[in-house]
Amino acid sequence: MLGYIWQCFYSSCLRFWLKWFLRLVTGRCELQRICARCKAGALRTAQIGEDHTVFVFDQVLRAALSLKENGLDEHLAQIIQEKRIKEQKDPTFKLNLRQCLLQINAYNELFEAVEEVRKQVFDSENKEHENMLLKLWDLLMPSVKLESRITKQWGNIGFQGDDPKTDFRGMGMLGLTNLLFFSENYTDAARQVLSHASHPRLGYSYAIVVIFFFFLVMCFRCFLLAGYLAYEFDKFWLEEEPESIMEFNRYREKFHDKVKGQLQMPEVTLIMTVDQEK
């Protein structure tokens, strides 16, 4: 309740006078101050994109986020005019803001594209879908022949039933697409994780766990992290040595908090380094 009252007071009264005071003291609008104090890259773009006080109250800025590169300059000129920015005193501002808006717009487009893939239902009648599934098996189990399309063998790579399509219901084709991407581009890492998942005590359902991390990636909106998270969780799980699979949820939450903390650092770079098995 107190938070709601404070937000109303800040939005309706305090925010205006605070911005007026800062503009008077610094000679810069809020956007200029963000660009000046934040290093170029993730930190600056995140500040521009996440600061609701910038976008919620500014229709011109919100409109700029939906534009392609060739339509952005006109809106930038309008922003500069409305904010009464003197370009000769801040010659880098336009270029800096343009770069931030392009990055935010591209990110939003990527999220929409990924969401469209997630909405696609796995279709057993679709030859492309079926071929992707069979290719996944061949990549992970190259020395084992699949007896039939519907078989208990799918459990060997972590699916729950005889037909993997039932495990794609939540993530749709995004689950299969990412499983295949990880297996194609990081084949050694994927097979290594699968071998660990088959451990008699520390084992887990490989495919289901990897699909879960694709869901986690959707929540974090960091789409290139899927394979990284699957691989790093496998290392984390083995290092922690839980007593049984019944502790999976507790360690999953612990790993979630660890990654969330890393992603809150703008300068962090997450790189998957595949360890060679001894």
Protein backbone atom coordinates (compact mmCIF):
# COMPACT_ATOMS: atom_id res chain seq x y z
CA MET A 1 0.00 0.00 0.00
CA LEU A 2 2.76 2.44 0.93
CA GLY A 3 4.58 1.55 -2.28
CA TYR A 4 1.48 2.34 -4.33
CA ILE A 5 1.00 5.69 -2.55
CA TRP A 6 4.65 6.58 -3.12
CA GLN A 7 4.44 5.65 -6.80
CA CYS A 8 1.35 7.84 -7.27
CA PHE A 9 2.99 10.76 -5.46
CA TYR A 10 6.21 10.38 -7.42
CA SER A 11 4.45 10.07 -10.78
CA SER A 12 2.03 12.93 -10.29
CA CYS A 13 4.20 15.45 -8.47
CA LEU A 14 7.74 14.68 -7.33
CA ARG A 15 9.01 13.32 -10.65
CA PHE A 16 8.29 16.56 -12.50
CA TRP A 17 10.07 18.77 -9.97
CA LEU A 18 13.01 16.39 -9.62
CA LYS A 19 13.55 16.35 -13.39
CA TRP A 20 13.16 20.12 -13.52
CA PHE A 21 15.78 20.56 -10.79
CA LEU A 22 18.27 18.17 -12.45
CA ARG A 23 17.75 19.86 -15.81
CA LEU A 24 18.38 23.24 -14.20
CA VAL A 25 21.57 22.07 -12.46
CA THR A 26 23.09 19.93 -15.23
CA GLY A 27 21.66 21.59 -18.33
CA ARG A 28 20.76 18.11 -19.63
CA CYS A 29 17.54 16.16 -20.02
CA GLU A 30 17.12 12.69 -18.51
CA LEU A 31 18.15 10.89 -21.70
CA GLN A 32 21.33 12.94 -21.93
CA ARG A 33 22.18 12.19 -18.32
CA ILE A 34 21.79 8.45 -18.89
CA CYS A 35 23.98 8.54 -22.00
CA ALA A 36 26.60 10.61 -20.18
CA ARG A 37 26.88 8.54 -17.01
CA CYS A 38 26.58 5.04 -18.54
CA LYS A 39 29.27 3.34 -20.54
CA ALA A 40 28.32 2.44 -24.11
CA GLY A 41 26.96 -1.06 -24.48
CA ALA A 42 24.68 -3.17 -22.33
CA LEU A 43 24.64 -0.82 -19.34
CA ARG A 44 23.56 2.25 -21.30
CA THR A 45 21.01 0.39 -23.44
CA ALA A 46 19.54 -1.33 -20.38
CA GLN A 47 19.20 2.00 -18.56
CA ILE A 48 17.44 3.56 -21.54
CA GLY A 49 15.17 0.56 -22.03
CA GLU A 50 14.37 -0.25 -18.41
CA ASP A 51 13.90 3.22 -16.96
CA HIS A 52 10.10 3.44 -17.00
CA THR A 53 10.25 7.13 -16.10
CA VAL A 54 11.72 7.72 -19.57
CA PHE A 55 9.27 5.73 -21.68
CA VAL A 56 5.98 5.54 -19.81
CA PHE A 57 5.52 9.30 -20.00
CA ASP A 58 7.01 9.85 -23.45
CA GLN A 59 4.93 8.85 -26.48
CA VAL A 60 7.61 9.90 -28.98
CA LEU A 61 10.17 7.59 -27.40
CA ARG A 62 7.71 4.70 -27.26
CA ALA A 63 6.94 5.19 -30.94
CA ALA A 64 10.65 5.20 -31.79
CA LEU A 65 11.00 1.68 -30.40
CA SER A 66 8.68 0.26 -33.05
CA LEU A 67 10.57 1.76 -36.00
CA LYS A 68 13.08 0.23 -38.36
CA GLU A 69 16.50 1.80 -38.84
CA ASN A 70 15.49 3.84 -41.89
CA GLY A 71 12.54 5.40 -40.05
CA LEU A 72 14.32 6.28 -36.86
CA ASP A 73 16.09 9.52 -37.79
CA GLU A 74 12.87 11.51 -38.10
CA HIS A 75 11.81 10.49 -34.60
CA LEU A 76 15.27 11.26 -33.24
CA ALA A 77 14.98 14.78 -34.62
CA GLN A 78 11.57 15.10 -32.96
CA ILE A 79 12.96 13.86 -29.64
CA ILE A 80 15.83 16.37 -29.81
CA GLN A 81 13.38 19.16 -30.58
CA GLU A 82 10.91 18.27 -27.82
CA LYS A 83 13.68 17.84 -25.24
CA ARG A 84 15.25 21.14 -26.34
CA ILE A 85 18.63 19.52 -26.78
CA LYS A 86 21.39 21.64 -28.30
CA GLU A 87 23.33 19.24 -30.48
CA GLN A 88 26.37 21.51 -30.69
CA LYS A 89 26.79 21.19 -26.90
CA ASP A 90 26.23 17.42 -26.90
CA PRO A 91 27.33 16.22 -30.35
CA THR A 92 27.46 12.52 -29.44
CA PHE A 93 23.96 12.30 -27.93
CA LYS A 94 22.04 11.62 -31.15
CA LEU A 95 24.36 8.81 -32.21
CA ASN A 96 24.36 7.28 -28.72
CA LEU A 97 20.58 7.34 -28.38
CA ARG A 98 20.14 6.01 -31.91
CA GLN A 99 22.34 3.02 -31.13
CA CYS A 100 20.42 2.27 -27.94
CA LEU A 101 17.04 2.45 -29.66
CA LEU A 102 18.22 0.20 -32.49
CA GLN A 103 19.46 -2.38 -29.99
CA ILE A 104 16.23 -2.29 -27.99
CA ASN A 105 14.12 -2.57 -31.14
CA ALA A 106 16.19 -5.48 -32.49
CA TYR A 107 15.90 -7.24 -29.15
CA ASN A 108 12.11 -6.84 -29.12
CA GLU A 109 11.92 -8.19 -32.67
CA LEU A 110 14.01 -11.20 -31.64
CA PHE A 111 11.70 -11.90 -28.71
CA GLU A 112 8.65 -11.77 -30.98
CA ALA A 113 10.29 -14.14 -33.48
CA VAL A 114 11.22 -16.60 -30.72
CA GLU A 115 7.70 -16.43 -29.32
CA GLU A 116 6.29 -17.33 -32.75
CA VAL A 117 8.46 -20.46 -32.82
CA ARG A 118 7.29 -21.35 -29.31
CA LYS A 119 3.67 -21.13 -30.44
CA GLN A 120 4.25 -23.69 -33.20
CA VAL A 121 2.94 -27.08 -32.13
CA PHE A 122 5.01 -30.16 -32.91
CA ASP A 123 3.15 -31.98 -35.68
CA SER A 124 3.82 -35.67 -36.30
CA GLU A 125 2.40 -35.25 -39.81
CA ASN A 126 4.95 -32.54 -40.60
CA LYS A 127 7.93 -34.19 -42.28
CA GLU A 128 10.27 -31.36 -41.30
CA HIS A 129 9.34 -31.72 -37.64
CA GLU A 130 9.83 -35.47 -37.77
CA ASN A 131 13.19 -35.16 -39.49
CA MET A 132 14.39 -32.73 -36.83
CA LEU A 133 13.43 -35.17 -34.09
CA LEU A 134 15.17 -38.10 -35.79
CA LYS A 135 18.26 -35.97 -36.40
CA LEU A 136 18.36 -35.17 -32.68
CA TRP A 137 18.50 -38.88 -31.93
CA ASP A 138 21.29 -39.46 -34.45
CA LEU A 139 23.37 -36.64 -32.98
CA LEU A 140 23.02 -37.79 -29.39
CA MET A 141 23.01 -41.56 -29.96
CA PRO A 142 25.08 -42.09 -33.13
CA SER A 143 25.90 -45.72 -32.36
CA VAL A 144 22.35 -46.79 -31.42
CA LYS A 145 19.71 -47.41 -34.06
CA LEU A 146 16.21 -46.17 -33.27
CA GLU A 147 13.92 -49.20 -33.46
CA SER A 148 10.80 -47.22 -34.37
CA ARG A 149 9.37 -43.71 -34.20
CA ILE A 150 7.36 -44.48 -31.07
CA THR A 151 9.52 -46.41 -28.65
CA LYS A 152 10.72 -46.51 -25.07
CA GLN A 153 14.20 -45.76 -26.42
CA TRP A 154 13.39 -42.05 -26.26
CA GLY A 155 13.78 -42.38 -22.51
CA ASN A 156 17.51 -42.92 -23.11
CA ILE A 157 17.87 -39.24 -24.00
CA GLY A 158 15.52 -38.01 -21.30
CA PHE A 159 12.03 -37.90 -22.79
CA GLN A 160 9.24 -39.01 -20.48
CA GLY A 161 7.14 -41.16 -22.79
CA ASP A 162 7.33 -43.32 -25.87
CA ASP A 163 6.56 -40.31 -28.10
CA PRO A 164 8.63 -37.14 -27.48
CA LYS A 165 5.95 -34.87 -28.95
CA THR A 166 4.13 -34.87 -25.61
CA ASP A 167 7.16 -33.21 -23.99
CA PHE A 168 7.06 -30.30 -26.45
CA ARG A 169 3.61 -29.09 -25.40
CA GLY A 170 4.86 -26.26 -23.20
CA MET A 171 7.65 -24.91 -25.39
CA GLY A 172 6.32 -26.06 -28.77
CA MET A 173 8.82 -26.25 -31.60
CA LEU A 174 11.16 -23.96 -29.67
CA GLY A 175 12.01 -26.88 -27.39
CA LEU A 176 12.97 -29.16 -30.27
CA THR A 177 14.70 -26.37 -32.21
CA ASN A 178 16.94 -25.53 -29.27
CA LEU A 179 17.67 -29.16 -28.43
CA LEU A 180 18.76 -29.67 -32.02
CA PHE A 181 20.77 -26.42 -32.07
CA PHE A 182 22.67 -27.42 -28.93
CA SER A 183 23.33 -30.91 -30.30
CA GLU A 184 24.42 -29.68 -33.74
CA ASN A 185 26.64 -26.80 -32.67
CA TYR A 186 27.99 -28.20 -29.40
CA THR A 187 27.85 -31.92 -30.10
CA ASP A 188 30.61 -32.92 -27.69
CA ALA A 189 29.11 -30.84 -24.89
CA ALA A 190 25.61 -32.21 -25.52
CA ARG A 191 26.84 -35.81 -25.46
CA GLN A 192 28.87 -35.10 -22.34
CA VAL A 193 25.82 -33.70 -20.55
CA LEU A 194 23.74 -36.68 -21.71
CA SER A 195 26.32 -39.12 -20.34
CA HIS A 196 26.24 -37.36 -16.97
CA ALA A 197 22.44 -37.42 -17.02
CA SER A 198 22.64 -41.22 -17.18
CA HIS A 199 24.58 -41.46 -13.91
CA PRO A 200 23.04 -44.14 -11.64
CA ARG A 201 22.73 -41.77 -8.65
CA LEU A 202 23.07 -38.24 -10.00
CA GLY A 203 21.22 -38.84 -13.26
CA TYR A 204 18.26 -36.79 -14.49
CA SER A 205 16.00 -36.61 -17.55
CA TYR A 206 18.30 -34.92 -20.06
CA ALA A 207 15.74 -33.70 -22.62
CA ILE A 208 13.26 -32.49 -20.00
CA VAL A 209 15.90 -30.60 -18.04
CA VAL A 210 17.36 -28.98 -21.17
CA ILE A 211 13.86 -27.94 -22.31
CA PHE A 212 13.31 -26.41 -18.87
CA PHE A 213 16.39 -24.26 -19.35
CA PHE A 214 15.00 -23.07 -22.66
CA PHE A 215 11.95 -21.93 -20.67
CA LEU A 216 14.29 -20.21 -18.21
CA VAL A 217 15.96 -18.45 -21.12
CA MET A 218 12.55 -17.16 -22.22
CA CYS A 219 12.05 -15.74 -18.73
CA PHE A 220 15.49 -14.12 -18.76
CA ARG A 221 15.02 -13.07 -22.41
CA CYS A 222 18.59 -14.10 -23.13
CA PHE A 223 18.03 -16.42 -26.06
CA LEU A 224 21.61 -17.48 -26.79
CA LEU A 225 22.06 -18.80 -23.25
CA ALA A 226 20.07 -22.02 -23.64
CA GLY A 227 22.96 -24.38 -24.37
CA TYR A 228 25.20 -22.53 -21.92
CA LEU A 229 22.70 -22.96 -19.08
CA ALA A 230 22.19 -26.65 -19.79
CA TYR A 231 25.93 -27.28 -19.80
CA GLU A 232 26.67 -25.14 -16.73
CA PHE A 233 23.82 -26.67 -14.74
CA ASP A 234 25.20 -30.12 -15.48
CA LYS A 235 28.58 -29.07 -14.02
CA PHE A 236 26.85 -27.38 -11.08
CA TRP A 237 24.74 -30.47 -10.37
CA LEU A 238 27.73 -32.82 -10.37
CA GLU A 239 29.81 -30.46 -8.20
CA GLU A 240 27.01 -30.15 -5.62
CA GLU A 241 26.57 -33.94 -5.48
CA PRO A 242 22.95 -34.01 -4.27
CA GLU A 243 21.84 -37.13 -2.43
CA SER A 244 19.15 -37.97 -4.98
CA ILE A 245 17.08 -36.64 -7.88
CA MET A 246 14.41 -35.71 -5.30
CA GLU A 247 16.54 -32.65 -4.48
CA PHE A 248 16.46 -31.46 -8.08
CA ASN A 249 14.07 -28.54 -7.51
CA ARG A 250 16.14 -27.13 -4.64
CA TYR A 251 19.34 -27.17 -6.66
CA ARG A 252 17.54 -25.85 -9.73
CA GLU A 253 16.40 -22.81 -7.73
CA LYS A 254 19.90 -22.36 -6.36
CA PHE A 255 21.32 -22.41 -9.88
CA HIS A 256 18.57 -20.03 -11.06
CA ASP A 257 19.55 -17.49 -8.39
CA LYS A 258 23.21 -17.82 -9.35
CA VAL A 259 22.56 -17.11 -13.04
CA LYS A 260 20.13 -14.30 -12.23
CA GLY A 261 22.82 -12.62 -10.16
CA GLN A 262 25.30 -12.91 -13.03
CA LEU A 263 22.85 -11.43 -15.53
CA GLN A 264 22.27 -8.41 -13.32
CA MET A 265 25.88 -7.38 -13.95
CA PRO A 266 25.83 -5.41 -17.26
CA GLU A 267 29.44 -6.17 -18.15
CA VAL A 268 29.23 -9.92 -17.58
CA THR A 269 30.08 -12.22 -20.50
CA LEU A 270 28.88 -15.80 -20.31
CA ILE A 271 30.96 -18.14 -22.45
CA MET A 272 30.58 -21.90 -22.57
CA THR A 273 33.92 -23.67 -22.22
CA VAL A 274 33.66 -27.41 -22.79
CA ASP A 275 35.80 -29.39 -20.37
CA GLN A 276 37.55 -32.44 -21.76
CA GLU A 277 36.49 -35.64 -20.02
CA LYS A 278 39.31 -37.33 -18.17
